[in-house]
């Protein structure tokens, strides 16, 4: 076993690197750089436990070919996870079907209620409004052996509803916390995540988190919110990598994760 393919380091919360912004920069020219596969490879070599992509229908960043090429890369990393995000009412289930048909790995799909022209993800699913249309789509993903996470606002009362339609996990939309971090409103912004995390834990519903988490706010979030299994981080991590490089950046995010659970850690 080569060092590059050593087992993933053990952390209480897994780090999945979203490489969308690498693709966004690449797409501004026709040179194929920066290379999305190379970025993913370097992040995995540095210890990231997974790779995430969110291929939008307009392919403004991640393209269809990227999804299949990244999945093929992940075959060389059997202890890491590939997560594809998107709206299951648009193109996400097509990727689930095609990856399954090609025998390529897909460990998790994250259902996100984006419109086709949406700038970025900015809200979660609503219950009971979305329940009927989500349930059969979740069932299809499960038939193909894929775990399903629902992108959700931190609403404690919605956790049971998400589980009732078959979700294995929820991914908390964390922008409200990130926006309040460093202000007098931080604790107020954190409270719904703590309560929703407790509600999910009480029914054994898995919790992921993502959106605007960074090296400043990540440790405190994980320290306070119970049971976060995975964070998916893209924009801030890739921005940091422009200055620090992929390897140093991933290692520092892993340090932030470890810091959250270190004895004696006290958030600022």
C-alpha atoms as a PDB file:
ATOM      1  CA  UNK A   1       0.000   0.000   0.000  1.00  0.00           C
ATOM      2  CA  UNK A   2       1.486   3.328  -1.054  1.00  0.00           C
ATOM      3  CA  UNK A   3       1.301   6.383   1.223  1.00  0.00           C
ATOM      4  CA  UNK A   4      -1.093   8.029  -1.240  1.00  0.00           C
ATOM      5  CA  UNK A   5      -3.528   5.170  -0.738  1.00  0.00           C
ATOM      6  CA  UNK A   6      -3.129   4.772   2.996  1.00  0.00           C
ATOM      7  CA  UNK A   7      -6.373   4.368   4.964  1.00  0.00           C
ATOM      8  CA  UNK A   8      -8.323   7.517   5.702  1.00  0.00           C
ATOM      9  CA  UNK A   9      -7.348   9.083   9.029  1.00  0.00           C
ATOM     10  CA  UNK A  10      -9.902   8.663  11.779  1.00  0.00           C
ATOM     11  CA  UNK A  11     -11.727  11.832  12.821  1.00  0.00           C
ATOM     12  CA  UNK A  12     -14.986  12.184  14.690  1.00  0.00           C
ATOM     13  CA  UNK A  13     -16.387  14.144  11.735  1.00  0.00           C
ATOM     14  CA  UNK A  14     -15.474  13.312   8.139  1.00  0.00           C
ATOM     15  CA  UNK A  15     -14.325  16.027   5.735  1.00  0.00           C
ATOM     16  CA  UNK A  16     -15.709  15.865   2.207  1.00  0.00           C
ATOM     17  CA  UNK A  17     -14.154  18.404  -0.161  1.00  0.00           C
ATOM     18  CA  UNK A  18     -16.477  20.004  -2.698  1.00  0.00           C
ATOM     19  CA  UNK A  19     -14.466  20.639  -5.871  1.00  0.00           C
ATOM     20  CA  UNK A  20     -17.094  22.685  -7.734  1.00  0.00           C
ATOM     21  CA  UNK A  21     -15.061  25.897  -7.539  1.00  0.00           C
ATOM     22  CA  UNK A  22     -12.071  24.186  -9.136  1.00  0.00           C
ATOM     23  CA  UNK A  23     -14.316  23.370 -12.094  1.00  0.00           C
ATOM     24  CA  UNK A  24     -15.716  26.904 -12.153  1.00  0.00           C
ATOM     25  CA  UNK A  25     -12.232  28.364 -12.612  1.00  0.00           C
ATOM     26  CA  UNK A  26     -11.317  25.739 -15.220  1.00  0.00           C
ATOM     27  CA  UNK A  27     -14.413  26.556 -17.243  1.00  0.00           C
ATOM     28  CA  UNK A  28     -13.327  30.164 -17.779  1.00  0.00           C
ATOM     29  CA  UNK A  29     -10.759  28.940 -20.351  1.00  0.00           C
ATOM     30  CA  UNK A  30     -10.351  25.949 -22.664  1.00  0.00           C
ATOM     31  CA  UNK A  31      -7.047  24.711 -21.272  1.00  0.00           C
ATOM     32  CA  UNK A  32      -8.277  22.089 -18.813  1.00  0.00           C
ATOM     33  CA  UNK A  33      -6.608  23.797 -15.864  1.00  0.00           C
ATOM     34  CA  UNK A  34      -6.960  23.718 -12.961  1.00  0.00           C
ATOM     35  CA  UNK A  35      -7.578  19.981 -13.197  1.00  0.00           C
ATOM     36  CA  UNK A  36     -10.558  18.785 -11.161  1.00  0.00           C
ATOM     37  CA  UNK A  37      -9.262  15.216 -10.919  1.00  0.00           C
ATOM     38  CA  UNK A  38      -5.852  16.404  -9.760  1.00  0.00           C
ATOM     39  CA  UNK A  39      -7.467  18.601  -7.124  1.00  0.00           C
ATOM     40  CA  UNK A  40      -9.507  15.680  -5.809  1.00  0.00           C
ATOM     41  CA  UNK A  41      -6.447  13.420  -5.812  1.00  0.00           C
ATOM     42  CA  UNK A  42      -4.393  15.901  -3.807  1.00  0.00           C
ATOM     43  CA  UNK A  43      -7.195  16.379  -1.284  1.00  0.00           C
ATOM     44  CA  UNK A  44      -7.543  12.631  -0.825  1.00  0.00           C
ATOM     45  CA  UNK A  45      -3.791  12.229  -0.437  1.00  0.00           C
ATOM     46  CA  UNK A  46      -3.880  14.906   2.276  1.00  0.00           C
ATOM     47  CA  UNK A  47      -6.465  12.927   4.242  1.00  0.00           C
ATOM     48  CA  UNK A  48      -9.889  14.127   3.097  1.00  0.00           C
ATOM     49  CA  UNK A  49     -12.418  11.370   3.697  1.00  0.00           C
ATOM     50  CA  UNK A  50     -14.539  12.217   0.686  1.00  0.00           C
ATOM     51  CA  UNK A  51     -15.160  14.236  -2.448  1.00  0.00           C
ATOM     52  CA  UNK A  52     -18.391  16.123  -3.163  1.00  0.00           C
ATOM     53  CA  UNK A  53     -19.720  17.584  -6.401  1.00  0.00           C
ATOM     54  CA  UNK A  54     -22.909  19.460  -7.234  1.00  0.00           C
ATOM     55  CA  UNK A  55     -23.442  19.175 -11.004  1.00  0.00           C
ATOM     56  CA  UNK A  56     -26.054  21.757 -11.980  1.00  0.00           C
ATOM     57  CA  UNK A  57     -28.077  21.329 -15.170  1.00  0.00           C
ATOM     58  CA  UNK A  58     -26.325  24.275 -16.882  1.00  0.00           C
ATOM     59  CA  UNK A  59     -22.881  22.730 -16.149  1.00  0.00           C
ATOM     60  CA  UNK A  60     -21.530  26.110 -15.075  1.00  0.00           C
ATOM     61  CA  UNK A  61     -18.946  24.333 -12.965  1.00  0.00           C
ATOM     62  CA  UNK A  62     -18.995  20.538 -12.605  1.00  0.00           C
ATOM     63  CA  UNK A  63     -19.764  18.845 -15.926  1.00  0.00           C
ATOM     64  CA  UNK A  64     -21.237  15.410 -16.529  1.00  0.00           C
ATOM     65  CA  UNK A  65     -17.862  13.992 -17.563  1.00  0.00           C
ATOM     66  CA  UNK A  66     -16.358  15.231 -14.286  1.00  0.00           C
ATOM     67  CA  UNK A  67     -18.848  13.199 -12.285  1.00  0.00           C
ATOM     68  CA  UNK A  68     -17.958   9.931 -14.022  1.00  0.00           C
ATOM     69  CA  UNK A  69     -14.222  10.619 -14.048  1.00  0.00           C
ATOM     70  CA  UNK A  70     -14.247  11.435 -10.337  1.00  0.00           C
ATOM     71  CA  UNK A  71     -16.259   8.298  -9.600  1.00  0.00           C
ATOM     72  CA  UNK A  72     -13.655   6.257 -11.501  1.00  0.00           C
ATOM     73  CA  UNK A  73     -10.922   7.931  -9.423  1.00  0.00           C
ATOM     74  CA  UNK A  74     -12.750   7.013  -6.229  1.00  0.00           C
ATOM     75  CA  UNK A  75     -12.469   3.321  -7.122  1.00  0.00           C
ATOM     76  CA  UNK A  76      -8.796   3.689  -6.189  1.00  0.00           C
ATOM     77  CA  UNK A  77      -9.811   4.991  -2.747  1.00  0.00           C
ATOM     78  CA  UNK A  78     -12.207   2.311  -1.455  1.00  0.00           C
ATOM     79  CA  UNK A  79     -12.315   3.685   2.086  1.00  0.00           C
ATOM     80  CA  UNK A  80     -13.286   7.220   0.956  1.00  0.00           C
ATOM     81  CA  UNK A  81     -16.724   8.408  -0.118  1.00  0.00           C
ATOM     82  CA  UNK A  82     -18.152  10.057  -3.213  1.00  0.00           C
ATOM     83  CA  UNK A  83     -21.118  12.364  -2.627  1.00  0.00           C
ATOM     84  CA  UNK A  84     -23.140  13.891  -5.462  1.00  0.00           C
ATOM     85  CA  UNK A  85     -25.477  16.760  -4.600  1.00  0.00           C
ATOM     86  CA  UNK A  86     -28.337  18.127  -6.619  1.00  0.00           C
ATOM     87  CA  UNK A  87     -32.052  18.407  -7.113  1.00  0.00           C
ATOM     88  CA  UNK A  88     -33.572  14.944  -7.601  1.00  0.00           C
ATOM     89  CA  UNK A  89     -36.341  16.564  -9.655  1.00  0.00           C
ATOM     90  CA  UNK A  90     -33.705  17.762 -12.167  1.00  0.00           C
ATOM     91  CA  UNK A  91     -30.560  15.794 -13.052  1.00  0.00           C
ATOM     92  CA  UNK A  92     -29.408  14.112  -9.828  1.00  0.00           C
ATOM     93  CA  UNK A  93     -31.217  10.787 -10.277  1.00  0.00           C
ATOM     94  CA  UNK A  94     -29.803  10.478 -13.790  1.00  0.00           C
ATOM     95  CA  UNK A  95     -26.320  10.465 -12.291  1.00  0.00           C
ATOM     96  CA  UNK A  96     -27.394   7.943  -9.667  1.00  0.00           C
ATOM     97  CA  UNK A  97     -28.749   5.630 -12.378  1.00  0.00           C
ATOM     98  CA  UNK A  98     -25.780   6.007 -14.708  1.00  0.00           C
ATOM     99  CA  UNK A  99     -23.143   5.536 -12.022  1.00  0.00           C
ATOM    100  CA  UNK A 100     -24.924   2.391 -10.898  1.00  0.00           C
ATOM    101  CA  UNK A 101     -25.166   1.097 -14.461  1.00  0.00           C
ATOM    102  CA  UNK A 102     -21.448   1.695 -15.024  1.00  0.00           C
ATOM    103  CA  UNK A 103     -20.451   0.003 -11.771  1.00  0.00           C
ATOM    104  CA  UNK A 104     -18.921   3.213 -10.441  1.00  0.00           C
ATOM    105  CA  UNK A 105     -18.996   4.128  -6.754  1.00  0.00           C
ATOM    106  CA  UNK A 106     -21.535   6.523  -5.298  1.00  0.00           C
ATOM    107  CA  UNK A 107     -21.858   6.376  -1.540  1.00  0.00           C
ATOM    108  CA  UNK A 108     -24.195   9.274  -0.859  1.00  0.00           C
ATOM    109  CA  UNK A 109     -26.456  11.601  -2.780  1.00  0.00           C
ATOM    110  CA  UNK A 110     -27.584  14.805  -1.147  1.00  0.00           C
ATOM    111  CA  UNK A 111     -31.002  16.029  -2.281  1.00  0.00           C
ATOM    112  CA  UNK A 112     -30.997  19.836  -2.555  1.00  0.00           C
ATOM    113  CA  UNK A 113     -34.120  21.848  -3.503  1.00  0.00           C
ATOM    114  CA  UNK A 114     -32.379  24.211  -5.924  1.00  0.00           C
ATOM    115  CA  UNK A 115     -34.017  25.822  -8.913  1.00  0.00           C
ATOM    116  CA  UNK A 116     -32.120  25.380 -12.181  1.00  0.00           C
ATOM    117  CA  UNK A 117     -30.813  28.952 -12.261  1.00  0.00           C
ATOM    118  CA  UNK A 118     -30.184  29.332  -8.538  1.00  0.00           C
ATOM    119  CA  UNK A 119     -26.941  31.112  -7.646  1.00  0.00           C
ATOM    120  CA  UNK A 120     -26.188  28.794  -4.732  1.00  0.00           C
ATOM    121  CA  UNK A 121     -28.093  26.555  -2.316  1.00  0.00           C
ATOM    122  CA  UNK A 122     -29.995  28.754   0.129  1.00  0.00           C
ATOM    123  CA  UNK A 123     -32.778  26.736   1.754  1.00  0.00           C
ATOM    124  CA  UNK A 124     -33.756  23.237   2.721  1.00  0.00           C
ATOM    125  CA  UNK A 125     -36.710  20.968   1.958  1.00  0.00           C
ATOM    126  CA  UNK A 126     -40.085  21.704   3.541  1.00  0.00           C
ATOM    127  CA  UNK A 127     -42.376  19.237   5.272  1.00  0.00           C
ATOM    128  CA  UNK A 128     -45.034  18.083   4.781  1.00  0.00           C
ATOM    129  CA  UNK A 129     -45.080  19.892   1.423  1.00  0.00           C
ATOM    130  CA  UNK A 130     -42.176  17.965  -0.155  1.00  0.00           C
ATOM    131  CA  UNK A 131     -42.786  14.560   1.427  1.00  0.00           C
ATOM    132  CA  UNK A 132     -44.836  12.896  -1.310  1.00  0.00           C
ATOM    133  CA  UNK A 133     -42.452  13.692  -4.132  1.00  0.00           C
ATOM    134  CA  UNK A 134     -39.293  12.909  -2.158  1.00  0.00           C
ATOM    135  CA  UNK A 135     -40.276   9.475  -0.885  1.00  0.00           C
ATOM    136  CA  UNK A 136     -40.176   7.539  -4.205  1.00  0.00           C
ATOM    137  CA  UNK A 137     -36.948   9.268  -5.242  1.00  0.00           C
ATOM    138  CA  UNK A 138     -35.275   8.281  -1.976  1.00  0.00           C
ATOM    139  CA  UNK A 139     -36.533   4.733  -2.461  1.00  0.00           C
ATOM    140  CA  UNK A 140     -34.961   4.607  -5.926  1.00  0.00           C
ATOM    141  CA  UNK A 141     -31.600   5.748  -4.585  1.00  0.00           C
ATOM    142  CA  UNK A 142     -31.801   3.128  -1.856  1.00  0.00           C
ATOM    143  CA  UNK A 143     -32.516   0.394  -4.408  1.00  0.00           C
ATOM    144  CA  UNK A 144     -29.197   1.308  -6.005  1.00  0.00           C
ATOM    145  CA  UNK A 145     -27.376   1.101  -2.689  1.00  0.00           C
ATOM    146  CA  UNK A 146     -26.932   4.845  -2.214  1.00  0.00           C
ATOM    147  CA  UNK A 147     -27.329   6.646   1.113  1.00  0.00           C
ATOM    148  CA  UNK A 148     -29.584   9.706   0.956  1.00  0.00           C
ATOM    149  CA  UNK A 149     -29.087  12.973   2.823  1.00  0.00           C
ATOM    150  CA  UNK A 150     -31.649  15.780   2.661  1.00  0.00           C
ATOM    151  CA  UNK A 151     -30.464  19.395   2.665  1.00  0.00           C
ATOM    152  CA  UNK A 152     -32.396  20.930   5.550  1.00  0.00           C
ATOM    153  CA  UNK A 153     -32.762  24.078   7.586  1.00  0.00           C
ATOM    154  CA  UNK A 154     -32.129  23.469  11.320  1.00  0.00           C
ATOM    155  CA  UNK A 155     -35.736  22.820  12.336  1.00  0.00           C
ATOM    156  CA  UNK A 156     -35.970  20.280  15.179  1.00  0.00           C
ATOM    157  CA  UNK A 157     -39.571  19.466  14.316  1.00  0.00           C
ATOM    158  CA  UNK A 158     -38.598  18.504  10.750  1.00  0.00           C
ATOM    159  CA  UNK A 159     -36.120  15.783  11.688  1.00  0.00           C
ATOM    160  CA  UNK A 160     -38.736  13.084  12.195  1.00  0.00           C
ATOM    161  CA  UNK A 161     -40.435  14.089   8.946  1.00  0.00           C
ATOM    162  CA  UNK A 162     -37.166  13.715   7.044  1.00  0.00           C
ATOM    163  CA  UNK A 163     -36.656  10.275   8.513  1.00  0.00           C
ATOM    164  CA  UNK A 164     -40.254   9.306   7.742  1.00  0.00           C
ATOM    165  CA  UNK A 165     -39.717   9.760   3.997  1.00  0.00           C
ATOM    166  CA  UNK A 166     -36.666   7.493   4.179  1.00  0.00           C
ATOM    167  CA  UNK A 167     -33.710   9.857   4.552  1.00  0.00           C
ATOM    168  CA  UNK A 168     -30.632   8.314   6.132  1.00  0.00           C
ATOM    169  CA  UNK A 169     -29.179  11.706   7.019  1.00  0.00           C
ATOM    170  CA  UNK A 170     -29.881  15.404   6.857  1.00  0.00           C
ATOM    171  CA  UNK A 171     -27.376  18.053   5.878  1.00  0.00           C
ATOM    172  CA  UNK A 172     -27.833  21.225   7.880  1.00  0.00           C
ATOM    173  CA  UNK A 173     -27.689  24.405   5.814  1.00  0.00           C
ATOM    174  CA  UNK A 174     -25.234  26.379   7.932  1.00  0.00           C
ATOM    175  CA  UNK A 175     -25.145  29.831   6.331  1.00  0.00           C
ATOM    176  CA  UNK A 176     -27.161  31.432   9.140  1.00  0.00           C
ATOM    177  CA  UNK A 177     -24.506  30.334  11.627  1.00  0.00           C
ATOM    178  CA  UNK A 178     -21.608  31.329   9.379  1.00  0.00           C
ATOM    179  CA  UNK A 179     -23.082  34.784   8.815  1.00  0.00           C
ATOM    180  CA  UNK A 180     -23.518  35.325  12.558  1.00  0.00           C
ATOM    181  CA  UNK A 181     -20.131  33.959  13.610  1.00  0.00           C
ATOM    182  CA  UNK A 182     -18.021  36.623  15.277  1.00  0.00           C
ATOM    183  CA  UNK A 183     -21.044  38.743  16.160  1.00  0.00           C
ATOM    184  CA  UNK A 184     -23.248  39.069  19.229  1.00  0.00           C
ATOM    185  CA  UNK A 185     -25.853  36.968  17.383  1.00  0.00           C
ATOM    186  CA  UNK A 186     -23.663  33.877  17.136  1.00  0.00           C
ATOM    187  CA  UNK A 187     -25.124  31.927  20.057  1.00  0.00           C
ATOM    188  CA  UNK A 188     -28.653  32.707  18.967  1.00  0.00           C
ATOM    189  CA  UNK A 189     -27.806  31.443  15.474  1.00  0.00           C
ATOM    190  CA  UNK A 190     -26.245  28.271  16.882  1.00  0.00           C
ATOM    191  CA  UNK A 191     -29.195  27.289  19.051  1.00  0.00           C
ATOM    192  CA  UNK A 192     -31.439  25.890  16.274  1.00  0.00           C
ATOM    193  CA  UNK A 193     -28.578  23.670  15.079  1.00  0.00           C
ATOM    194  CA  UNK A 194     -28.014  22.321  18.579  1.00  0.00           C
ATOM    195  CA  UNK A 195     -31.708  21.573  19.024  1.00  0.00           C
ATOM    196  CA  UNK A 196     -32.048  20.029  15.570  1.00  0.00           C
ATOM    197  CA  UNK A 197     -28.922  17.939  16.175  1.00  0.00           C
ATOM    198  CA  UNK A 198     -30.403  16.637  19.413  1.00  0.00           C
ATOM    199  CA  UNK A 199     -33.704  15.876  17.692  1.00  0.00           C
ATOM    200  CA  UNK A 200     -31.892  13.940  14.970  1.00  0.00           C
ATOM    201  CA  UNK A 201     -29.774  12.039  17.487  1.00  0.00           C
ATOM    202  CA  UNK A 202     -32.870  11.053  19.457  1.00  0.00           C
ATOM    203  CA  UNK A 203     -34.241   9.166  16.439  1.00  0.00           C
ATOM    204  CA  UNK A 204     -30.832   7.974  15.157  1.00  0.00           C
ATOM    205  CA  UNK A 205     -30.977  10.162  12.053  1.00  0.00           C
ATOM    206  CA  UNK A 206     -27.507  10.980  10.738  1.00  0.00           C
ATOM    207  CA  UNK A 207     -26.370  14.602  10.513  1.00  0.00           C
ATOM    208  CA  UNK A 208     -24.116  16.260   7.939  1.00  0.00           C
ATOM    209  CA  UNK A 209     -23.486  19.985   7.628  1.00  0.00           C
ATOM    210  CA  UNK A 210     -22.335  22.457   5.031  1.00  0.00           C
ATOM    211  CA  UNK A 211     -22.431  25.938   3.539  1.00  0.00           C
ATOM    212  CA  UNK A 212     -19.914  28.661   4.369  1.00  0.00           C
ATOM    213  CA  UNK A 213     -18.131  26.647   7.031  1.00  0.00           C
ATOM    214  CA  UNK A 214     -14.462  27.638   7.199  1.00  0.00           C
ATOM    215  CA  UNK A 215     -11.330  27.438   9.338  1.00  0.00           C
ATOM    216  CA  UNK A 216     -12.604  30.161  11.662  1.00  0.00           C
ATOM    217  CA  UNK A 217     -16.071  28.827  12.466  1.00  0.00           C
ATOM    218  CA  UNK A 218     -15.807  25.059  11.936  1.00  0.00           C
ATOM    219  CA  UNK A 219     -14.400  23.978  15.299  1.00  0.00           C
ATOM    220  CA  UNK A 220     -17.005  25.816  17.333  1.00  0.00           C
ATOM    221  CA  UNK A 221     -19.866  24.427  15.252  1.00  0.00           C
ATOM    222  CA  UNK A 222     -18.702  20.835  15.675  1.00  0.00           C
ATOM    223  CA  UNK A 223     -17.976  21.364  19.363  1.00  0.00           C
ATOM    224  CA  UNK A 224     -21.499  22.592  20.075  1.00  0.00           C
ATOM    225  CA  UNK A 225     -23.719  20.717  17.601  1.00  0.00           C
ATOM    226  CA  UNK A 226     -23.998  17.047  18.543  1.00  0.00           C
ATOM    227  CA  UNK A 227     -23.326  14.121  16.259  1.00  0.00           C
ATOM    228  CA  UNK A 228     -22.168  15.736  13.008  1.00  0.00           C
ATOM    229  CA  UNK A 229     -20.915  12.854  10.880  1.00  0.00           C
ATOM    230  CA  UNK A 230     -19.643  14.827   7.893  1.00  0.00           C
ATOM    231  CA  UNK A 231     -18.997  18.359   6.739  1.00  0.00           C
ATOM    232  CA  UNK A 232     -18.970  19.191   3.046  1.00  0.00           C
ATOM    233  CA  UNK A 233     -16.819  22.258   2.383  1.00  0.00           C
ATOM    234  CA  UNK A 234     -16.045  23.823  -0.967  1.00  0.00           C
ATOM    235  CA  UNK A 235     -15.901  27.572  -1.438  1.00  0.00           C
ATOM    236  CA  UNK A 236     -13.836  28.468   1.628  1.00  0.00           C
ATOM    237  CA  UNK A 237     -11.573  25.437   1.340  1.00  0.00           C
ATOM    238  CA  UNK A 238     -10.739  26.059  -2.313  1.00  0.00           C
ATOM    239  CA  UNK A 239     -10.196  29.757  -1.570  1.00  0.00           C
ATOM    240  CA  UNK A 240      -7.770  28.792   1.195  1.00  0.00           C
ATOM    241  CA  UNK A 241      -6.044  26.347  -1.165  1.00  0.00           C
ATOM    242  CA  UNK A 242      -5.248  29.191  -3.560  1.00  0.00           C
ATOM    243  CA  UNK A 243      -2.989  30.586  -0.836  1.00  0.00           C
ATOM    244  CA  UNK A 244      -1.883  27.492   1.059  1.00  0.00           C
ATOM    245  CA  UNK A 245      -2.110  24.658  -1.465  1.00  0.00           C
ATOM    246  CA  UNK A 246      -4.501  21.710  -1.343  1.00  0.00           C
ATOM    247  CA  UNK A 247      -2.499  19.544   1.030  1.00  0.00           C
ATOM    248  CA  UNK A 248      -1.853  22.166   3.701  1.00  0.00           C
ATOM    249  CA  UNK A 249      -5.444  23.377   3.486  1.00  0.00           C
ATOM    250  CA  UNK A 250      -7.025  19.949   3.902  1.00  0.00           C
ATOM    251  CA  UNK A 251      -4.714  19.171   6.805  1.00  0.00           C
ATOM    252  CA  UNK A 252      -5.673  22.418   8.510  1.00  0.00           C
ATOM    253  CA  UNK A 253      -9.394  21.691   8.137  1.00  0.00           C
ATOM    254  CA  UNK A 254      -8.751  18.272   9.669  1.00  0.00           C
ATOM    255  CA  UNK A 255      -6.940  20.059  12.491  1.00  0.00           C
ATOM    256  CA  UNK A 256     -10.027  22.232  13.020  1.00  0.00           C
ATOM    257  CA  UNK A 257     -12.169  19.111  13.204  1.00  0.00           C
ATOM    258  CA  UNK A 258      -9.867  17.494  15.749  1.00  0.00           C
ATOM    259  CA  UNK A 259      -9.709  20.709  17.757  1.00  0.00           C
ATOM    260  CA  UNK A 260     -13.491  20.660  18.187  1.00  0.00           C
ATOM    261  CA  UNK A 261     -13.252  17.416  20.145  1.00  0.00           C
ATOM    262  CA  UNK A 262      -9.987  18.048  21.978  1.00  0.00           C
ATOM    263  CA  UNK A 263     -10.144  17.986  25.781  1.00  0.00           C
ATOM    264  CA  UNK A 264     -10.244  21.500  27.153  1.00  0.00           C
ATOM    265  CA  UNK A 265     -11.176  23.185  23.890  1.00  0.00           C
ATOM    266  CA  UNK A 266     -13.089  26.396  24.496  1.00  0.00           C
ATOM    267  CA  UNK A 267     -14.632  28.319  21.582  1.00  0.00           C
ATOM    268  CA  UNK A 268     -13.688  31.968  21.346  1.00  0.00           C
END
